[in-house]
Amino acid sequence: MTSLETAKLAAAALDSKKGLDIKIIKIADISSIADYFVIATGTSGTHVKALADEVEFRLDQAGLSVSAIEGQRNDTWILLDYIDVVVHVFSEDARDYYSLERLWEDGEIVENE
């Protein structure tokens, strides 16, 4: 599975659980951190956790194990690291505060079909 396919699968998982404002940002050309960031917003701490759990479940079903998870005890931002794809699930306030889209504005927004 390519990193773009992984990012799109993660975005589909987020969408299936009603994640808000889902974005895929290609950062491969501007950073060595990852190829893509996938960013979404949850409406509550419970929703943020459910979104992250669904991404982990769906990608695990596809044979992709998460390398690292940060923020599991936090209900405002959970990060799932799949090496080439990093998934960020935020509460609304945390997403506004960290503003990753602004920080990575040189990246390319990928259309999520």
N, C-alpha and C. Protein backbone atom coordinates (compact mmCIF):
# COMPACT_ATOMS: atom_id res chain seq x y z
N MET A 1 0.85 -1.18 0.00
CA MET A 1 0.00 0.00 0.00
C MET A 1 0.89 1.24 0.00
N THR A 2 0.61 2.18 -0.89
CA THR A 2 1.40 3.41 -0.94
C THR A 2 1.03 4.32 0.22
N SER A 3 1.86 5.30 0.48
CA SER A 3 1.56 6.23 1.57
C SER A 3 0.30 7.04 1.25
N LEU A 4 0.06 7.35 -0.02
CA LEU A 4 -1.17 8.07 -0.37
C LEU A 4 -2.39 7.19 -0.10
N GLU A 5 -2.31 5.93 -0.44
CA GLU A 5 -3.42 5.01 -0.16
C GLU A 5 -3.66 4.89 1.35
N THR A 6 -2.59 4.87 2.11
CA THR A 6 -2.70 4.83 3.58
C THR A 6 -3.40 6.08 4.09
N ALA A 7 -2.98 7.24 3.58
CA ALA A 7 -3.58 8.51 4.01
C ALA A 7 -5.07 8.54 3.66
N LYS A 8 -5.41 8.06 2.48
CA LYS A 8 -6.82 8.07 2.07
C LYS A 8 -7.64 7.07 2.88
N LEU A 9 -7.06 5.95 3.23
CA LEU A 9 -7.75 4.98 4.08
C LEU A 9 -8.00 5.58 5.47
N ALA A 10 -7.01 6.27 6.00
CA ALA A 10 -7.17 6.93 7.30
C ALA A 10 -8.27 8.00 7.22
N ALA A 11 -8.27 8.77 6.14
CA ALA A 11 -9.30 9.80 5.97
C ALA A 11 -10.69 9.17 5.86
N ALA A 12 -10.79 8.05 5.17
CA ALA A 12 -12.08 7.35 5.04
C ALA A 12 -12.55 6.85 6.40
N ALA A 13 -11.62 6.35 7.21
CA ALA A 13 -11.97 5.90 8.56
C ALA A 13 -12.49 7.06 9.40
N LEU A 14 -11.84 8.20 9.30
CA LEU A 14 -12.28 9.39 10.03
C LEU A 14 -13.65 9.84 9.56
N ASP A 15 -13.86 9.80 8.26
CA ASP A 15 -15.15 10.19 7.70
C ASP A 15 -16.26 9.24 8.15
N SER A 16 -15.95 7.97 8.25
CA SER A 16 -16.97 6.98 8.64
C SER A 16 -17.49 7.22 10.05
N LYS A 17 -16.68 7.87 10.87
CA LYS A 17 -17.08 8.18 12.25
C LYS A 17 -17.41 9.67 12.43
N LYS A 18 -17.72 10.31 11.30
CA LYS A 18 -18.18 11.71 11.31
C LYS A 18 -17.12 12.71 11.78
N GLY A 19 -15.85 12.44 11.44
CA GLY A 19 -14.80 13.42 11.70
C GLY A 19 -15.07 14.68 10.89
N LEU A 20 -14.70 15.81 11.41
CA LEU A 20 -14.97 17.09 10.76
C LEU A 20 -13.72 17.65 10.09
N ASP A 21 -13.92 18.37 9.00
CA ASP A 21 -12.87 19.11 8.31
C ASP A 21 -11.62 18.26 8.08
N ILE A 22 -11.81 17.11 7.46
CA ILE A 22 -10.71 16.17 7.23
C ILE A 22 -9.84 16.68 6.09
N LYS A 23 -8.55 16.75 6.34
CA LYS A 23 -7.59 17.23 5.35
C LYS A 23 -6.44 16.23 5.22
N ILE A 24 -6.00 16.04 3.98
CA ILE A 24 -4.77 15.29 3.71
C ILE A 24 -3.79 16.30 3.12
N ILE A 25 -2.63 16.42 3.74
CA ILE A 25 -1.62 17.36 3.28
C ILE A 25 -0.36 16.59 2.89
N LYS A 26 0.05 16.73 1.65
CA LYS A 26 1.28 16.10 1.19
C LYS A 26 2.45 16.98 1.63
N ILE A 27 3.33 16.41 2.44
CA ILE A 27 4.49 17.17 2.93
C ILE A 27 5.80 16.55 2.48
N ALA A 28 5.72 15.50 1.67
CA ALA A 28 6.93 14.76 1.25
C ALA A 28 7.96 15.65 0.58
N ASP A 29 7.52 16.66 -0.17
CA ASP A 29 8.43 17.52 -0.91
C ASP A 29 9.08 18.60 -0.05
N ILE A 30 8.56 18.78 1.18
CA ILE A 30 9.07 19.87 2.01
C ILE A 30 9.61 19.40 3.36
N SER A 31 9.47 18.09 3.65
CA SER A 31 9.91 17.59 4.95
C SER A 31 10.24 16.11 4.87
N SER A 32 11.12 15.68 5.75
CA SER A 32 11.43 14.26 5.84
C SER A 32 10.66 13.59 6.99
N ILE A 33 9.81 14.32 7.66
CA ILE A 33 9.03 13.78 8.78
C ILE A 33 8.11 12.65 8.31
N ALA A 34 7.42 12.89 7.21
CA ALA A 34 6.45 11.94 6.68
C ALA A 34 6.12 12.35 5.25
N ASP A 35 5.36 11.53 4.57
CA ASP A 35 4.88 11.90 3.23
C ASP A 35 3.58 12.70 3.32
N TYR A 36 2.72 12.31 4.28
CA TYR A 36 1.40 12.95 4.41
C TYR A 36 1.03 13.15 5.86
N PHE A 37 0.30 14.24 6.12
CA PHE A 37 -0.42 14.45 7.36
C PHE A 37 -1.90 14.28 7.03
N VAL A 38 -2.61 13.62 7.91
CA VAL A 38 -4.07 13.57 7.82
C VAL A 38 -4.56 14.25 9.09
N ILE A 39 -5.43 15.24 8.94
CA ILE A 39 -5.90 16.04 10.06
C ILE A 39 -7.42 16.01 10.10
N ALA A 40 -7.97 15.85 11.30
CA ALA A 40 -9.42 15.86 11.47
C ALA A 40 -9.77 16.43 12.83
N THR A 41 -11.03 16.82 12.97
CA THR A 41 -11.53 17.38 14.22
C THR A 41 -12.64 16.51 14.76
N GLY A 42 -12.62 16.30 16.06
CA GLY A 42 -13.71 15.64 16.77
C GLY A 42 -14.48 16.66 17.58
N THR A 43 -15.74 16.36 17.88
CA THR A 43 -16.61 17.32 18.56
C THR A 43 -16.53 17.25 20.08
N SER A 44 -15.89 16.21 20.61
CA SER A 44 -15.75 16.05 22.07
C SER A 44 -14.54 15.16 22.31
N GLY A 45 -14.15 15.05 23.55
CA GLY A 45 -13.05 14.16 23.89
C GLY A 45 -13.35 12.72 23.52
N THR A 46 -14.57 12.31 23.75
CA THR A 46 -14.99 10.95 23.40
C THR A 46 -14.92 10.74 21.90
N HIS A 47 -15.34 11.74 21.14
CA HIS A 47 -15.32 11.65 19.68
C HIS A 47 -13.89 11.61 19.17
N VAL A 48 -13.00 12.41 19.72
CA VAL A 48 -11.58 12.40 19.33
C VAL A 48 -11.01 11.00 19.52
N LYS A 49 -11.29 10.38 20.66
CA LYS A 49 -10.80 9.02 20.94
C LYS A 49 -11.42 8.01 19.98
N ALA A 50 -12.71 8.12 19.71
CA ALA A 50 -13.38 7.20 18.79
C ALA A 50 -12.81 7.31 17.38
N LEU A 51 -12.49 8.52 16.95
CA LEU A 51 -11.90 8.72 15.62
C LEU A 51 -10.53 8.06 15.54
N ALA A 52 -9.71 8.28 16.54
CA ALA A 52 -8.37 7.68 16.55
C ALA A 52 -8.47 6.15 16.60
N ASP A 53 -9.38 5.64 17.40
CA ASP A 53 -9.57 4.18 17.48
C ASP A 53 -9.99 3.60 16.14
N GLU A 54 -10.85 4.30 15.41
CA GLU A 54 -11.31 3.80 14.11
C GLU A 54 -10.18 3.79 13.09
N VAL A 55 -9.35 4.82 13.10
CA VAL A 55 -8.20 4.83 12.19
C VAL A 55 -7.29 3.65 12.50
N GLU A 56 -6.99 3.46 13.78
CA GLU A 56 -6.11 2.36 14.15
C GLU A 56 -6.72 1.01 13.75
N PHE A 57 -8.02 0.84 13.95
CA PHE A 57 -8.70 -0.41 13.60
C PHE A 57 -8.66 -0.66 12.09
N ARG A 58 -9.03 0.35 11.31
CA ARG A 58 -9.10 0.18 9.85
C ARG A 58 -7.73 -0.07 9.24
N LEU A 59 -6.72 0.65 9.70
CA LEU A 59 -5.39 0.44 9.15
C LEU A 59 -4.81 -0.89 9.60
N ASP A 60 -5.14 -1.30 10.82
CA ASP A 60 -4.70 -2.62 11.28
C ASP A 60 -5.32 -3.71 10.41
N GLN A 61 -6.60 -3.55 10.06
CA GLN A 61 -7.26 -4.52 9.17
C GLN A 61 -6.57 -4.59 7.81
N ALA A 62 -6.00 -3.47 7.38
CA ALA A 62 -5.30 -3.41 6.10
C ALA A 62 -3.85 -3.89 6.22
N GLY A 63 -3.47 -4.34 7.41
CA GLY A 63 -2.12 -4.86 7.62
C GLY A 63 -1.09 -3.83 8.01
N LEU A 64 -1.55 -2.65 8.43
CA LEU A 64 -0.64 -1.57 8.81
C LEU A 64 -0.69 -1.34 10.31
N SER A 65 0.41 -1.56 10.98
CA SER A 65 0.47 -1.35 12.42
C SER A 65 0.97 0.06 12.71
N VAL A 66 0.37 0.66 13.72
CA VAL A 66 0.79 1.99 14.13
C VAL A 66 2.17 1.89 14.78
N SER A 67 3.04 2.81 14.43
CA SER A 67 4.39 2.84 14.97
C SER A 67 4.41 3.46 16.37
N ALA A 68 3.62 4.51 16.53
CA ALA A 68 3.56 5.21 17.83
C ALA A 68 2.23 5.95 17.93
N ILE A 69 1.75 6.06 19.16
CA ILE A 69 0.54 6.84 19.43
C ILE A 69 0.89 7.79 20.56
N GLU A 70 0.55 9.04 20.37
CA GLU A 70 0.76 10.06 21.40
C GLU A 70 -0.58 10.67 21.78
N GLY A 71 -0.73 10.99 23.06
CA GLY A 71 -1.91 11.72 23.51
C GLY A 71 -3.12 10.87 23.83
N GLN A 72 -2.96 9.56 24.01
CA GLN A 72 -4.11 8.71 24.28
C GLN A 72 -4.83 9.08 25.57
N ARG A 73 -4.12 9.63 26.51
CA ARG A 73 -4.77 10.04 27.76
C ARG A 73 -5.33 11.46 27.65
N ASN A 74 -5.08 12.05 26.52
CA ASN A 74 -5.49 13.43 26.27
C ASN A 74 -6.76 13.39 25.44
N ASP A 75 -7.70 14.26 25.70
CA ASP A 75 -8.91 14.28 24.89
C ASP A 75 -8.93 15.45 23.91
N THR A 76 -7.77 16.07 23.69
CA THR A 76 -7.74 17.22 22.78
C THR A 76 -6.91 16.98 21.52
N TRP A 77 -5.95 16.05 21.57
CA TRP A 77 -5.11 15.79 20.40
C TRP A 77 -4.51 14.40 20.51
N ILE A 78 -4.81 13.55 19.55
CA ILE A 78 -4.20 12.23 19.48
C ILE A 78 -3.47 12.13 18.15
N LEU A 79 -2.23 11.67 18.22
CA LEU A 79 -1.39 11.52 17.04
C LEU A 79 -1.12 10.03 16.82
N LEU A 80 -1.35 9.56 15.60
CA LEU A 80 -1.04 8.18 15.22
C LEU A 80 0.02 8.23 14.14
N ASP A 81 1.16 7.63 14.43
CA ASP A 81 2.30 7.68 13.51
C ASP A 81 2.43 6.36 12.76
N TYR A 82 2.24 6.45 11.45
CA TYR A 82 2.41 5.30 10.56
C TYR A 82 3.66 5.48 9.69
N ILE A 83 4.66 6.14 10.20
CA ILE A 83 5.94 6.43 9.56
C ILE A 83 5.78 7.39 8.38
N ASP A 84 5.20 6.93 7.28
CA ASP A 84 5.02 7.78 6.09
C ASP A 84 3.77 8.64 6.18
N VAL A 85 2.86 8.28 7.08
CA VAL A 85 1.61 9.01 7.26
C VAL A 85 1.43 9.26 8.75
N VAL A 86 1.16 10.52 9.10
CA VAL A 86 0.90 10.87 10.50
C VAL A 86 -0.51 11.42 10.57
N VAL A 87 -1.33 10.81 11.42
CA VAL A 87 -2.72 11.20 11.58
C VAL A 87 -2.86 12.02 12.86
N HIS A 88 -3.45 13.20 12.73
CA HIS A 88 -3.69 14.10 13.87
C HIS A 88 -5.19 14.22 14.06
N VAL A 89 -5.69 13.87 15.23
CA VAL A 89 -7.11 14.05 15.55
C VAL A 89 -7.19 15.04 16.70
N PHE A 90 -7.85 16.14 16.43
CA PHE A 90 -7.91 17.26 17.37
C PHE A 90 -9.32 17.53 17.88
N SER A 91 -9.41 18.16 19.05
CA SER A 91 -10.64 18.84 19.44
C SER A 91 -10.65 20.16 18.64
N GLU A 92 -11.79 20.80 18.61
CA GLU A 92 -11.88 22.05 17.85
C GLU A 92 -10.90 23.11 18.37
N ASP A 93 -10.86 23.28 19.69
CA ASP A 93 -9.97 24.29 20.28
C ASP A 93 -8.50 23.98 20.01
N ALA A 94 -8.11 22.71 20.15
CA ALA A 94 -6.71 22.34 19.92
C ALA A 94 -6.33 22.53 18.45
N ARG A 95 -7.24 22.22 17.55
CA ARG A 95 -6.92 22.40 16.12
C ARG A 95 -6.72 23.87 15.80
N ASP A 96 -7.57 24.71 16.36
CA ASP A 96 -7.40 26.15 16.16
C ASP A 96 -6.08 26.62 16.76
N TYR A 97 -5.75 26.14 17.95
CA TYR A 97 -4.54 26.58 18.64
C TYR A 97 -3.27 26.17 17.89
N TYR A 98 -3.18 24.90 17.50
CA TYR A 98 -1.96 24.41 16.85
C TYR A 98 -1.88 24.76 15.37
N SER A 99 -3.01 24.92 14.73
CA SER A 99 -3.09 25.41 13.36
C SER A 99 -2.07 24.76 12.42
N LEU A 100 -2.10 23.43 12.36
CA LEU A 100 -1.14 22.71 11.53
C LEU A 100 -1.26 23.07 10.05
N GLU A 101 -2.48 23.34 9.59
CA GLU A 101 -2.62 23.73 8.18
C GLU A 101 -1.83 25.00 7.88
N ARG A 102 -1.79 25.93 8.82
CA ARG A 102 -1.02 27.15 8.62
C ARG A 102 0.48 26.85 8.68
N LEU A 103 0.88 26.03 9.63
CA LEU A 103 2.30 25.69 9.77
C LEU A 103 2.83 24.94 8.55
N TRP A 104 1.98 24.14 7.93
CA TRP A 104 2.38 23.32 6.78
C TRP A 104 1.72 23.82 5.49
N GLU A 105 1.49 25.13 5.40
CA GLU A 105 0.80 25.70 4.26
C GLU A 105 1.59 25.53 2.93
N ASP A 106 2.88 25.23 3.02
CA ASP A 106 3.65 24.96 1.80
C ASP A 106 3.39 23.54 1.28
N GLY A 107 2.73 22.74 2.08
CA GLY A 107 2.35 21.40 1.64
C GLY A 107 1.19 21.47 0.65
N GLU A 108 0.94 20.36 -0.01
CA GLU A 108 -0.11 20.29 -1.03
C GLU A 108 -1.33 19.59 -0.45
N ILE A 109 -2.48 20.27 -0.49
CA ILE A 109 -3.73 19.65 -0.05
C ILE A 109 -4.13 18.63 -1.11
N VAL A 110 -4.40 17.41 -0.65
CA VAL A 110 -4.77 16.32 -1.55
C VAL A 110 -6.29 16.15 -1.48
N GLU A 111 -6.91 16.07 -2.64
CA GLU A 111 -8.35 15.83 -2.67
C GLU A 111 -8.63 14.43 -2.15
N ASN A 112 -9.60 14.33 -1.30
CA ASN A 112 -9.96 13.04 -0.71
C ASN A 112 -11.27 12.58 -1.34
N GLU A 113 -11.17 11.65 -2.28
CA GLU A 113 -12.38 11.17 -2.95
C GLU A 113 -13.18 10.29 -2.07
